[in-house]
Amino acid sequence: MKMQTRGHGYWYENGYRVLYCGKKNGIKEHIKIMQDSIGRKIGKDEVVHHINHNKLDNRIENLLLMKRSDHMSMHRKNDGYGRRITTVVLEQIKNLKNLGKRQYEISDQLKISKPTMCRVFKYL
C-alpha cells in the first residue's frame, strides 16, 4: 500500500497516528508497521498491542501482534491477583524466559496467576 502525503501526511485519531493512504482513507501507523514487518495484512481477529501502552511509540520492538480475544482479556484483566501487568513486569517475564525459566517458574516467582501467565507467555 503506497502512502500518499497530504499536509503532514498523517493525523491523529484517539491518540494514534493515522497515515494518509488515499483521498479520505488512512491506516494507523502501528498497524502499517506490523503489516510491513510480517509481510501480510492484519487479520480481523488480530490486533497490534503497544507493549508500553504509549500509542505513539510505534517501534517494532514495542508492538505485539495478538489475537483480539487475548488482547481484550489482557486489558480487561490483571495478573490474577488484582494488579495490572506493567511494561516492567513484561520485561521481567521476557528476561526470565530468555534465561530458560519455564512458564510456571516465572508465574511463581513474579506471583502472577498461571492462566494470565499462559496468555502473556505465548506472545513473547
Protein backbone atom coordinates (compact mmCIF):
# COMPACT_ATOMS: atom_id res chain seq x y z
CA MET A 1 0.00 0.00 0.00
CA LYS A 2 1.58 3.28 -1.09
CA MET A 3 1.22 6.15 1.32
CA GLN A 4 0.20 9.46 -0.20
CA THR A 5 1.02 12.52 1.81
CA ARG A 6 -1.26 15.49 2.20
CA GLY A 7 -0.26 18.20 4.61
CA HIS A 8 1.94 16.41 7.13
CA GLY A 9 0.94 13.01 5.77
CA TYR A 10 -0.86 11.98 8.94
CA TRP A 11 -3.44 12.94 11.52
CA TYR A 12 -4.34 11.71 15.00
CA GLU A 13 -7.34 9.61 15.94
CA ASN A 14 -7.97 8.51 19.54
CA GLY A 15 -4.31 9.09 20.33
CA TYR A 16 -2.99 7.01 17.38
CA ARG A 17 -1.09 8.41 14.41
CA VAL A 18 -3.00 7.68 11.19
CA LEU A 19 -1.17 7.82 7.87
CA TYR A 20 -2.87 9.07 4.70
CA CYS A 21 -3.29 6.40 2.05
CA GLY A 22 -5.77 7.85 -0.40
CA LYS A 23 -8.30 10.63 -0.57
CA LYS A 24 -10.06 10.08 2.75
CA ASN A 25 -8.53 6.77 3.73
CA GLY A 26 -5.91 6.17 6.35
CA ILE A 27 -4.19 3.40 8.25
CA LYS A 28 -2.97 3.55 11.81
CA GLU A 29 0.81 3.73 11.77
CA HIS A 30 1.36 0.86 14.21
CA ILE A 31 -0.77 -1.44 12.04
CA LYS A 32 1.16 -0.43 8.88
CA ILE A 33 4.48 -1.08 10.64
CA MET A 34 3.36 -4.52 11.81
CA GLN A 35 1.96 -5.43 8.38
CA ASP A 36 5.24 -4.43 6.74
CA SER A 37 7.14 -6.47 9.33
CA ILE A 38 5.13 -9.69 8.90
CA GLY A 39 4.57 -9.28 5.16
CA ARG A 40 0.78 -9.53 5.22
CA LYS A 41 -2.35 -7.70 6.31
CA ILE A 42 -3.54 -7.98 9.89
CA GLY A 43 -6.43 -10.42 10.19
CA LYS A 44 -9.84 -9.38 11.51
CA ASP A 45 -9.21 -11.48 14.63
CA GLU A 46 -5.82 -9.81 15.26
CA VAL A 47 -4.75 -6.54 16.87
CA VAL A 48 -1.43 -4.77 17.33
CA HIS A 49 -0.72 -4.08 21.01
CA HIS A 50 1.64 -1.36 22.26
CA ILE A 51 3.70 -3.11 24.94
CA ASN A 52 4.48 0.10 26.84
CA HIS A 53 0.92 1.44 26.34
CA ASN A 54 2.26 4.54 24.54
CA LYS A 55 0.11 4.82 21.40
CA LEU A 56 2.75 6.93 19.66
CA ASP A 57 5.68 4.57 20.30
CA ASN A 58 5.45 2.60 17.06
CA ARG A 59 8.87 0.96 17.15
CA ILE A 60 8.51 -2.68 16.05
CA GLU A 61 10.07 -3.88 19.33
CA ASN A 62 7.20 -2.15 21.17
CA LEU A 63 4.50 -3.78 19.04
CA LEU A 64 2.96 -7.19 19.63
CA LEU A 65 0.57 -8.98 17.25
CA MET A 66 -2.16 -10.66 19.29
CA LYS A 67 -5.49 -12.39 18.91
CA ARG A 68 -8.27 -9.90 19.54
CA SER A 69 -9.75 -12.01 22.36
CA ASP A 70 -6.39 -12.28 24.16
CA HIS A 71 -5.83 -8.55 23.80
CA MET A 72 -9.23 -7.80 25.29
CA SER A 73 -8.51 -10.18 28.16
CA MET A 74 -5.16 -8.54 28.82
CA HIS A 75 -6.71 -5.09 29.09
CA ARG A 76 -9.79 -6.27 30.97
CA LYS A 77 -7.94 -8.37 33.47
CA ASN A 78 -4.86 -8.07 35.57
CA ASP A 79 -2.28 -10.53 36.83
CA GLY A 80 -4.94 -12.65 38.52
CA TYR A 81 -4.27 -11.08 41.90
CA GLY A 82 -5.71 -7.62 41.31
CA ARG A 83 -2.58 -5.97 39.87
CA ARG A 84 -2.15 -4.68 36.33
CA ILE A 85 0.65 -6.17 34.25
CA THR A 86 3.02 -3.29 33.55
CA THR A 87 5.76 -2.82 30.97
CA VAL A 88 8.31 -3.50 33.70
CA VAL A 89 6.68 -6.85 34.51
CA LEU A 90 6.52 -7.76 30.80
CA GLU A 91 10.26 -7.04 30.56
CA GLN A 92 10.91 -9.21 33.63
CA ILE A 93 8.92 -12.04 32.05
CA LYS A 94 10.86 -11.69 28.77
CA ASN A 95 14.20 -11.70 30.60
CA LEU A 96 13.33 -14.74 32.69
CA LYS A 97 12.06 -16.59 29.62
CA ASN A 98 15.32 -15.78 27.80
CA LEU A 99 17.22 -17.21 30.77
CA GLY A 100 15.42 -20.51 30.22
CA LYS A 101 12.88 -20.24 33.02
CA ARG A 102 9.63 -22.11 32.45
CA GLN A 103 6.20 -20.57 32.48
CA TYR A 104 5.21 -21.96 35.89
CA GLU A 105 8.55 -20.90 37.42
CA ILE A 106 8.08 -17.33 36.23
CA SER A 107 4.46 -17.38 37.42
CA ASP A 108 5.53 -18.46 40.91
CA GLN A 109 8.50 -16.07 41.05
CA LEU A 110 6.54 -12.98 39.95
CA LYS A 111 3.33 -14.09 41.69
CA ILE A 112 1.24 -13.94 38.50
CA SER A 113 -1.66 -16.35 38.07
CA LYS A 114 -0.96 -19.28 35.77
CA PRO A 115 -3.83 -18.51 33.32
CA THR A 116 -2.61 -14.91 32.94
CA MET A 117 0.99 -16.08 32.51
CA CYS A 118 -0.16 -18.53 29.83
CA ARG A 119 -1.83 -15.71 27.85
CA VAL A 120 1.18 -13.40 28.13
CA PHE A 121 3.87 -16.05 27.67
CA LYS A 122 2.70 -17.28 24.27
CA TYR A 123 3.23 -13.83 22.72
CA LEU A 124 6.75 -13.26 24.00
